[in-house]
Protein backbone atom coordinates (compact mmCIF):
# COMPACT_ATOMS: atom_id res chain seq x y z
CA UNK A 1 10.48 40.33 27.35
CA UNK A 2 10.88 37.77 24.46
CA UNK A 3 13.73 37.45 22.32
CA UNK A 4 11.72 38.74 19.59
CA UNK A 5 10.93 42.25 21.37
CA UNK A 6 14.17 44.46 20.87
CA UNK A 7 14.02 48.16 21.46
CA UNK A 8 15.88 49.03 18.16
CA UNK A 9 15.99 46.94 14.55
CA UNK A 10 18.86 48.44 12.45
CA UNK A 11 18.10 47.78 9.27
CA UNK A 12 20.32 47.41 6.42
CA UNK A 13 19.10 46.89 2.58
CA UNK A 14 21.59 45.07 0.72
CA UNK A 15 22.04 44.55 -3.21
CA UNK A 16 24.89 43.16 -4.24
CA UNK A 17 26.94 44.27 -1.17
CA UNK A 18 29.37 41.55 -1.05
CA UNK A 19 32.35 43.84 -0.73
CA UNK A 20 31.03 46.25 1.68
CA UNK A 21 28.92 44.50 4.08
CA UNK A 22 31.38 43.15 5.74
CA UNK A 23 33.08 45.88 7.14
CA UNK A 24 29.40 47.90 7.66
CA UNK A 25 28.67 44.78 9.93
CA UNK A 26 31.65 44.70 11.59
CA UNK A 27 31.46 48.53 12.06
CA UNK A 28 28.11 48.16 13.57
CA UNK A 29 28.80 45.35 15.53
CA UNK A 30 32.18 47.33 17.15
CA UNK A 31 29.97 50.42 18.05
CA UNK A 32 26.88 48.69 19.31
CA UNK A 33 28.01 46.42 21.39
CA UNK A 34 29.52 49.19 23.62
CA UNK A 35 26.09 50.77 24.22
CA UNK A 36 23.18 49.45 26.28
CA UNK A 37 20.76 49.35 23.39
CA UNK A 38 18.72 46.57 22.91
CA UNK A 39 19.74 45.71 19.07
CA UNK A 40 19.45 43.91 16.30
CA UNK A 41 21.11 43.90 13.01
CA UNK A 42 18.96 43.01 10.03
CA UNK A 43 20.29 43.03 6.81
CA UNK A 44 17.60 42.85 4.01
CA UNK A 45 18.57 41.25 0.75
CA UNK A 46 16.85 41.53 -2.46
CA UNK A 47 17.04 39.88 -6.15
CA UNK A 48 21.39 39.66 -5.16
CA UNK A 49 23.57 37.69 -7.27
CA UNK A 50 26.57 38.03 -5.77
CA UNK A 51 27.57 36.70 -1.94
CA UNK A 52 26.05 38.81 -0.16
CA UNK A 53 23.25 37.16 1.21
CA UNK A 54 25.89 33.85 2.05
CA UNK A 55 28.29 36.75 3.48
CA UNK A 56 25.28 37.91 5.61
CA UNK A 57 24.31 34.45 7.27
CA UNK A 58 27.57 33.49 7.98
CA UNK A 59 27.75 36.87 10.17
CA UNK A 60 23.82 35.57 11.39
CA UNK A 61 25.24 32.35 12.50
CA UNK A 62 28.88 33.28 14.33
CA UNK A 63 26.38 36.61 16.08
CA UNK A 64 23.17 34.45 16.42
CA UNK A 65 21.76 36.92 19.16
CA UNK A 66 22.48 39.84 17.47
CA UNK A 67 22.63 39.80 13.20
CA UNK A 68 19.64 38.16 11.18
CA UNK A 69 19.12 38.05 7.71
CA UNK A 70 15.92 37.89 5.36
CA UNK A 71 16.38 37.66 1.62
CA UNK A 72 13.64 37.75 -1.21
CA UNK A 73 15.72 35.96 -4.59
CA UNK A 74 13.94 38.65 -7.28
CA UNK A 75 14.73 42.80 -7.10
CA UNK A 76 12.26 44.49 -5.01
CA UNK A 77 13.99 48.51 -5.83
CA UNK A 78 15.16 50.55 -2.60
CA UNK A 79 11.66 50.93 -1.30
CA UNK A 80 10.81 47.27 -1.70
CA UNK A 81 13.66 46.49 0.39
CA UNK A 82 12.73 48.49 3.39
CA UNK A 83 9.65 47.38 3.59
CA UNK A 84 10.58 43.65 3.30
CA UNK A 85 12.88 44.18 5.75
CA UNK A 86 10.35 45.79 7.98
CA UNK A 87 7.88 43.09 8.10
CA UNK A 88 10.49 40.85 9.80
CA UNK A 89 11.78 43.84 12.42
CA UNK A 90 11.67 42.87 15.70
CA UNK A 91 12.62 46.30 16.85
CA UNK A 92 9.86 48.97 18.29
CA UNK A 93 12.55 51.69 16.48
CA UNK A 94 13.68 50.82 13.18
CA UNK A 95 17.22 52.58 12.46
CA UNK A 96 17.95 52.86 8.41
CA UNK A 97 21.73 52.44 7.33
CA UNK A 98 23.19 52.58 4.28
CA UNK A 99 25.59 49.75 4.01
CA UNK A 100 28.31 52.40 3.58
CA UNK A 101 27.82 53.82 6.71
CA UNK A 102 28.10 57.34 5.47
CA UNK A 103 26.83 57.94 8.28
CA UNK A 104 28.96 56.35 11.30
CA UNK A 105 27.22 54.37 13.83
CA UNK A 106 27.69 56.60 16.63
CA UNK A 107 25.14 58.95 15.17
CA UNK A 108 21.99 56.60 16.23
CA UNK A 109 21.70 57.80 19.18
CA UNK A 110 20.74 61.36 18.13
CA UNK A 111 17.84 59.69 16.23
CA UNK A 112 17.13 57.43 19.35
CA UNK A 113 17.06 60.42 21.31
CA UNK A 114 14.34 62.39 19.28
CA UNK A 115 12.06 58.95 19.15
CA UNK A 116 12.19 59.13 23.19
CA UNK A 117 11.24 62.47 22.82
CA UNK A 118 8.25 61.64 21.41
CA UNK A 119 8.92 61.95 17.37
CA UNK A 120 7.20 59.23 15.19
CA UNK A 121 9.85 59.60 12.29
CA UNK A 122 13.60 61.30 12.34
CA UNK A 123 15.43 61.97 9.29
CA UNK A 124 19.50 62.14 9.26
CA UNK A 125 19.94 65.95 7.58
CA UNK A 126 22.94 66.77 5.69
CA UNK A 127 21.52 70.65 4.82
CA UNK A 128 21.10 72.15 8.12
CA UNK A 129 23.39 74.57 9.85
CA UNK A 130 25.03 72.18 12.19
CA UNK A 131 25.08 69.27 10.03
CA UNK A 132 29.28 68.34 9.63
CA UNK A 133 30.15 66.68 5.75
CA UNK A 134 33.24 65.11 6.30
CA UNK A 135 34.09 64.03 2.79
CA UNK A 136 32.30 66.55 0.52
CA UNK A 137 30.28 64.92 -3.13
CA UNK A 138 30.97 65.79 -6.51
CA UNK A 139 29.60 69.09 -7.62
CA UNK A 140 27.11 67.79 -10.07
CA UNK A 141 25.61 65.69 -6.99
CA UNK A 142 25.16 69.12 -4.34
CA UNK A 143 23.37 70.60 -7.03
CA UNK A 144 20.94 68.42 -7.90
CA UNK A 145 20.48 67.28 -4.15
CA UNK A 146 19.38 71.17 -3.49
CA UNK A 147 16.87 71.31 -6.49
CA UNK A 148 15.64 67.90 -5.43
CA UNK A 149 15.00 69.41 -2.23
CA UNK A 150 13.85 72.54 -2.87
CA UNK A 151 11.45 70.96 -5.31
CA UNK A 152 9.94 68.62 -2.78
CA UNK A 153 9.29 71.83 -0.33
CA UNK A 154 7.42 73.79 -3.37
CA UNK A 155 5.16 70.52 -4.27
CA UNK A 156 4.46 69.61 -0.71
CA UNK A 157 4.68 73.03 1.75
CA UNK A 158 7.06 70.46 4.04
CA UNK A 159 9.84 72.16 5.41
CA UNK A 160 12.59 69.28 5.41
CA UNK A 161 15.76 70.09 3.62
CA UNK A 162 17.22 66.10 3.04
CA UNK A 163 14.49 64.23 2.06
CA UNK A 164 17.17 61.73 0.62
CA UNK A 165 19.58 60.96 3.35
CA UNK A 166 19.63 57.26 3.57
CA UNK A 167 20.39 57.48 7.62
CA UNK A 168 16.41 57.60 9.14
CA UNK A 169 14.71 56.32 11.96
CA UNK A 170 10.96 55.75 13.14
CA UNK A 171 8.34 53.69 14.62
CA UNK A 172 7.67 50.16 13.57
CA UNK A 173 4.24 50.74 14.80
CA UNK A 174 4.16 53.57 12.07
CA UNK A 175 6.16 52.38 9.15
CA UNK A 176 3.39 49.32 9.25
CA UNK A 177 0.62 51.58 9.52
CA UNK A 178 1.34 53.89 6.46
CA UNK A 179 3.22 50.73 4.07
CA UNK A 180 0.02 49.73 2.54
CA UNK A 181 0.06 52.89 1.16
CA UNK A 182 3.00 53.21 0.30
CA UNK A 183 3.76 52.58 -3.52
CA UNK A 184 6.72 54.43 -4.80
CA UNK A 185 9.72 51.87 -4.55
CA UNK A 186 12.34 53.84 -6.74
CA UNK A 187 14.34 57.29 -6.11
CA UNK A 188 11.36 59.01 -4.15
CA UNK A 189 10.60 56.33 -1.87
CA UNK A 190 11.80 58.27 1.28
CA UNK A 191 9.17 61.36 -0.32
CA UNK A 192 6.13 59.34 -0.62
CA UNK A 193 6.77 58.02 2.91
CA UNK A 194 7.09 61.32 4.46
CA UNK A 195 4.28 63.26 2.43
CA UNK A 196 2.26 60.37 3.78
CA UNK A 197 3.34 60.01 7.28
CA UNK A 198 2.88 64.11 6.97
CA UNK A 199 -0.54 64.41 6.09
CA UNK A 200 -1.48 61.38 8.55
CA UNK A 201 -0.50 63.80 11.43
CA UNK A 202 2.25 61.66 12.30
CA UNK A 203 5.37 64.08 13.88
CA UNK A 204 8.71 64.31 11.91
CA UNK A 205 11.90 65.45 13.05
CA UNK A 206 14.77 66.28 11.26
CA UNK A 207 18.32 66.04 13.04
CA UNK A 208 21.91 67.54 11.74
CA UNK A 209 24.31 64.62 11.19
CA UNK A 210 27.90 63.58 10.26
CA UNK A 211 28.13 62.33 6.92
CA UNK A 212 30.55 61.42 4.14
CA UNK A 213 30.73 60.86 0.71
CA UNK A 214 31.74 57.67 -0.01
CA UNK A 215 32.59 56.36 -3.86
CA UNK A 216 30.78 53.09 -5.18
CA UNK A 217 27.09 54.61 -5.58
CA UNK A 218 25.30 52.21 -8.18
CA UNK A 219 22.65 54.97 -8.40
CA UNK A 220 23.75 56.86 -11.30
CA UNK A 221 22.19 60.43 -10.71
CA UNK A 222 22.26 61.61 -14.34
CA UNK A 223 19.74 58.66 -14.99
CA UNK A 224 17.55 59.32 -12.20
CA UNK A 225 16.50 62.82 -13.11
CA UNK A 226 13.61 61.90 -15.40
CA UNK A 227 12.39 59.14 -12.86
CA UNK A 228 12.92 61.14 -9.73
CA UNK A 229 10.61 64.26 -11.29
CA UNK A 230 7.69 61.58 -12.46
CA UNK A 231 7.80 59.91 -8.92
CA UNK A 232 7.70 63.33 -7.13
CA UNK A 233 4.59 64.23 -9.33
CA UNK A 234 3.29 61.11 -8.96
CA UNK A 235 2.97 61.55 -5.26
CA UNK A 236 2.09 65.04 -5.85
CA UNK A 237 -1.33 63.74 -7.98
CA UNK A 238 -2.23 61.33 -5.33
CA UNK A 239 -2.62 64.13 -2.52
CA UNK A 240 -4.77 66.05 -5.39
CA UNK A 241 -6.97 63.03 -5.37
CA UNK A 242 -9.13 63.43 -2.35
CA UNK A 243 -9.31 65.41 1.24
CA UNK A 244 -7.75 63.69 3.99
CA UNK A 245 -10.98 63.43 5.84
CA UNK A 246 -12.64 62.06 3.14
CA UNK A 247 -10.44 59.01 2.65
CA UNK A 248 -11.28 56.93 5.20
CA UNK A 249 -14.13 55.08 4.25
CA UNK A 250 -15.04 51.22 5.05
CA UNK A 251 -15.07 49.03 1.58
CA UNK A 252 -18.18 47.91 3.16
CA UNK A 253 -20.01 51.04 3.98
CA UNK A 254 -18.79 52.21 0.39
CA UNK A 255 -20.27 49.07 -1.62
CA UNK A 256 -23.47 49.41 0.43
CA UNK A 257 -24.19 52.85 -0.60
CA UNK A 258 -23.70 52.22 -4.75
CA UNK A 259 -26.12 50.96 -6.81
CA UNK A 260 -26.29 47.30 -7.51
CA UNK A 261 -26.32 47.52 -11.61
CA UNK A 262 -23.38 50.04 -11.64
CA UNK A 263 -21.33 47.91 -13.57
CA UNK A 264 -24.22 46.40 -15.53
CA UNK A 265 -25.10 50.12 -17.01
CA UNK A 266 -21.23 50.59 -17.48
CA UNK A 267 -20.96 47.88 -20.03
CA UNK A 268 -23.84 50.03 -21.98
CA UNK A 269 -22.38 53.64 -21.18
CA UNK A 270 -22.95 56.03 -23.69
CA UNK A 271 -19.87 57.21 -22.87
CA UNK A 272 -17.74 55.15 -25.14
CA UNK A 273 -14.69 55.14 -23.10
CA UNK A 274 -16.32 53.84 -20.28
CA UNK A 275 -17.70 51.24 -22.12
CA UNK A 276 -14.26 49.83 -23.73
CA UNK A 277 -12.75 50.00 -20.43
CA UNK A 278 -15.18 47.34 -19.54
CA UNK A 279 -15.96 45.36 -22.44
CA UNK A 280 -12.01 44.98 -22.92
CA UNK A 281 -10.98 44.27 -19.41
CA UNK A 282 -13.92 41.81 -19.07
CA UNK A 283 -12.99 39.65 -22.63
CA UNK A 284 -9.50 39.70 -21.51
CA UNK A 285 -10.28 38.09 -18.19
CA UNK A 286 -12.11 35.56 -19.61
CA UNK A 287 -10.11 34.55 -22.15
CA UNK A 288 -7.07 33.23 -19.57
CA UNK A 289 -10.20 31.27 -17.77
CA UNK A 290 -9.18 28.12 -16.90
CA UNK A 291 -11.71 24.87 -15.87
CA UNK A 292 -15.20 24.46 -15.47
CA UNK A 293 -15.87 26.35 -11.44
CA UNK A 294 -15.00 29.75 -11.82
CA UNK A 295 -15.45 32.32 -8.35
CA UNK A 296 -15.77 35.80 -9.00
CA UNK A 297 -14.26 37.59 -5.99
CA UNK A 298 -16.02 40.97 -6.37
CA UNK A 299 -18.22 40.29 -8.89
CA UNK A 300 -19.92 43.91 -8.72
CA UNK A 301 -23.33 43.48 -10.88
CA UNK A 302 -22.28 40.16 -11.84
CA UNK A 303 -21.56 41.08 -15.41
CA UNK A 304 -18.63 38.40 -15.86
CA UNK A 305 -21.32 35.29 -16.07
CA UNK A 306 -22.24 37.37 -19.50
CA UNK A 307 -18.30 36.89 -20.39
CA UNK A 308 -18.48 32.91 -19.32
CA UNK A 309 -21.58 31.24 -20.76
CA UNK A 310 -20.38 27.65 -20.11
CA UNK A 311 -18.61 28.01 -16.75
CA UNK A 312 -20.16 26.98 -13.14
CA UNK A 313 -20.04 30.95 -11.78
CA UNK A 314 -19.67 31.96 -7.88
CA UNK A 315 -19.87 35.84 -7.33
CA UNK A 316 -18.76 37.04 -4.23
CA UNK A 317 -19.11 41.16 -3.01
CA UNK A 318 -19.23 42.44 0.13
CA UNK A 319 -21.87 45.19 -1.37
CA UNK A 320 -25.66 44.62 -0.12
CA UNK A 321 -27.39 45.87 -3.43
CA UNK A 322 -24.38 44.34 -6.11
CA UNK A 323 -25.63 40.60 -4.74
CA UNK A 324 -29.47 41.37 -4.91
CA UNK A 325 -29.25 42.90 -8.30
CA UNK A 326 -26.72 40.01 -9.56
CA UNK A 327 -28.96 37.53 -7.79
CA UNK A 328 -31.98 38.90 -9.95
CA UNK A 329 -29.91 39.63 -13.27
CA UNK A 330 -27.76 36.29 -13.44
CA UNK A 331 -29.48 33.79 -10.90
CA UNK A 332 -30.66 31.30 -12.95
CA UNK A 333 -26.69 31.17 -14.34
CA UNK A 334 -25.13 31.84 -11.27
CA UNK A 335 -24.98 31.82 -7.48
CA UNK A 336 -23.89 34.59 -5.60
CA UNK A 337 -23.07 35.30 -1.83
CA UNK A 338 -22.09 38.46 -0.01
CA UNK A 339 -18.59 38.16 1.88
CA UNK A 340 -15.55 39.58 2.30
CA UNK A 341 -12.49 39.02 -0.14
CA UNK A 342 -10.09 38.65 2.74
CA UNK A 343 -12.48 35.72 4.27
CA UNK A 344 -14.02 33.76 1.90
CA UNK A 345 -16.77 31.05 3.12
CA UNK A 346 -15.50 28.24 0.99
CA UNK A 347 -13.48 25.24 1.85
CA UNK A 348 -10.05 24.73 0.37
CA UNK A 349 -9.15 23.80 -3.37
CA UNK A 350 -12.28 24.16 -4.79
CA UNK A 351 -12.16 25.99 -8.05
CA UNK A 352 -10.51 26.36 -11.07
CA UNK A 353 -10.40 29.78 -11.56
CA UNK A 354 -10.27 32.48 -9.19
CA UNK A 355 -11.12 36.13 -10.68
CA UNK A 356 -10.02 39.78 -8.74
CA UNK A 357 -10.84 42.32 -11.06
CA UNK A 358 -10.10 45.75 -9.84
CA UNK A 359 -10.41 44.78 -6.10
CA UNK A 360 -7.04 44.78 -4.47
CA UNK A 361 -6.67 48.35 -4.38
CA UNK A 362 -9.54 48.46 -2.12
CA UNK A 363 -8.57 46.44 0.61
CA UNK A 364 -6.63 46.45 4.00
CA UNK A 365 -4.02 43.68 3.74
CA UNK A 366 -4.56 43.10 -0.03
CA UNK A 367 -2.25 39.82 0.80
CA UNK A 368 -5.18 38.22 3.14
CA UNK A 369 -7.15 38.32 0.19
CA UNK A 370 -4.79 36.69 -2.48
CA UNK A 371 -3.65 34.02 0.26
CA UNK A 372 -7.69 33.49 0.44
CA UNK A 373 -7.70 33.18 -3.32
CA UNK A 374 -4.94 30.68 -3.28
CA UNK A 375 -6.37 28.50 -0.84
CA UNK A 376 -9.88 28.25 -2.35
CA UNK A 377 -8.01 26.82 -5.71
CA UNK A 378 -7.59 23.55 -6.67
CA UNK A 379 -3.83 22.50 -7.34
CA UNK A 380 -3.02 23.57 -10.80
CA UNK A 381 -6.03 26.48 -10.47
CA UNK A 382 -5.30 29.66 -12.08
CA UNK A 383 -5.57 32.91 -10.34
CA UNK A 384 -6.75 36.46 -12.33
CA UNK A 385 -6.23 39.39 -10.91
CA UNK A 386 -6.28 43.53 -12.64
CA UNK A 387 -5.13 46.22 -10.15
CA UNK A 388 -4.15 49.78 -10.67
CA UNK A 389 -0.34 50.06 -11.55
CA UNK A 390 1.74 52.69 -9.83
CA UNK A 391 2.41 54.97 -12.78
CA UNK A 392 2.72 58.71 -13.92
CA UNK A 393 -0.74 57.87 -16.28
CA UNK A 394 -2.94 56.21 -13.66
CA UNK A 395 -1.92 58.82 -11.40
CA UNK A 396 -3.28 61.50 -13.42
CA UNK A 397 -6.43 59.81 -14.80
CA UNK A 398 -7.49 58.85 -10.82
CA UNK A 399 -6.56 62.83 -9.60
CA UNK A 400 -8.72 63.99 -12.76
CA UNK A 401 -11.66 61.43 -12.37
CA UNK A 402 -11.85 62.28 -8.82
CA UNK A 403 -12.24 65.65 -9.28
CA UNK A 404 -15.02 65.50 -11.59
CA UNK A 405 -16.63 63.26 -9.34
CA UNK A 406 -16.08 65.11 -6.06
CA UNK A 407 -19.77 64.69 -4.81
CA UNK A 408 -19.66 60.98 -5.30
CA UNK A 409 -16.13 60.07 -4.07
CA UNK A 410 -15.24 56.24 -4.19
CA UNK A 411 -13.39 55.22 -1.43
CA UNK A 412 -9.38 54.84 -1.18
CA UNK A 413 -7.22 53.46 -4.06
CA UNK A 414 -3.78 52.25 -3.83
CA UNK A 415 -1.69 51.52 -6.50
CA UNK A 416 0.40 48.63 -6.90
CA UNK A 417 4.25 48.63 -8.58
CA UNK A 418 4.86 44.96 -10.37
CA UNK A 419 7.55 43.72 -7.73
CA UNK A 420 4.85 44.38 -4.75
CA UNK A 421 2.27 42.21 -6.26
CA UNK A 422 4.81 39.86 -7.71
CA UNK A 423 6.49 39.93 -3.80
CA UNK A 424 2.95 38.94 -2.20
CA UNK A 425 2.48 36.31 -4.68
CA UNK A 426 5.24 34.60 -4.44
CA UNK A 427 4.83 34.65 -0.19
CA UNK A 428 1.18 33.09 -0.65
CA UNK A 429 2.65 30.34 -2.47
CA UNK A 430 2.54 30.89 -6.46
CA UNK A 431 5.61 30.19 -8.01
CA UNK A 432 4.62 28.43 -11.35
CA UNK A 433 3.65 30.53 -14.70
CA UNK A 434 3.49 33.95 -12.52
CA UNK A 435 2.47 37.01 -15.67
CA UNK A 436 2.18 40.37 -14.36
CA UNK A 437 2.39 43.33 -17.00
CA UNK A 438 0.91 46.78 -18.06
CA UNK A 439 -2.86 46.69 -19.19
CA UNK A 440 -5.47 48.91 -20.30
CA UNK A 441 -3.29 51.62 -21.43
CA UNK A 442 -0.39 50.69 -18.85
CA UNK A 443 -3.20 52.21 -16.11
CA UNK A 444 -3.57 48.61 -14.30
CA UNK A 445 -1.58 45.28 -14.45
CA UNK A 446 -2.92 42.40 -15.32
CA UNK A 447 -1.76 39.39 -13.04
CA UNK A 448 -2.06 35.57 -13.82
CA UNK A 449 -0.62 33.45 -11.52
CA UNK A 450 -0.77 29.50 -11.39
CA UNK A 451 -1.10 27.15 -7.96
CA UNK A 452 1.09 24.56 -7.78
CA UNK A 453 0.28 21.04 -8.09
CA UNK A 454 1.17 19.29 -4.89
CA UNK A 455 3.30 16.16 -5.54
């Protein structure tokens, strides 16, 4: 077994926790060293402006075989801090622990026992008959927590009684399988994870745990009420847009079946909102294009050529019919190639601009597509993309649109949050002039990033 193979990763998300982190790490080390579990403690810090990262790194140097630190300079939100940490976890099982150790480390074996017996996800519960609340929370928190969990059961029909306890365990392989479909970063991140795991057929077990209320929470419960409801509704709407058995459809298979003139016709549609959508989007993209050599990834019918009359455009798409139509219609003005966005057949540093308009949401491992765009860009070149934005508005529009097109259902779309897209951009190397903002009535994100010029 290599040093990177552990049975357990204890993941501690931390945001500005310089006061509570030392006692958390001391408590975990004190308990875990008395067990025979092969473990590591992983502190996942994001956007910290205090000494959290510095303190965590001091512990890591002192206990280098037990404690590691991963940090990101920007705030990623509750869910973002978790998926950022899991990317670096070495354990086959991951246990989430709040930094206040509201559930003590001595409860960890309860979660591990259920995983070893076959569960995929185990959630600690404060609301089962055998749960032990050592210090009661304020009355209003109890009421809001009960109401939230009742609403969860009504909306999703899943018999879980405490989705929001910060003490959970899961198989890392299960989380990695679900990760790209998780698009809620806020209060309902746990709900998003559990609902999608349940729908995928993973086994979820709820166990009673000891728990105590600890003062010092950064969550303002009253301010979270509206966001909580919105995020629950987003997750619910996502379940309504397609049936489970129809969601698994490969990008290549789907787009090989689409008419090659689909987007050409969309620009000329008699349904004016559809025409406006494509016209406005393409004009906005073309206005930010820089340089002469342009690669349009996911070019569809090739219509972007109409908006870039004085550019040398190369169109790339995975759909055979798209490429054939684009070549016939625009072949005298541009060239087209059939390929996957995650494996572009071009050498490094060729293009001044790479466009990916509504492409990332269709891909498994979208970061690979961003990485490929970065690779083929020249230093100082720009990356321009649009993609669905995680929002109640987009969830509602997509659910309605999918119902209307039930007999001609598209492949799965995965919306993105601002933080997740920015995280991907920073990780592949974009660091200058990153712009991400709501677009198209707030339904999409418009993304603009410049590749650094090597010194």
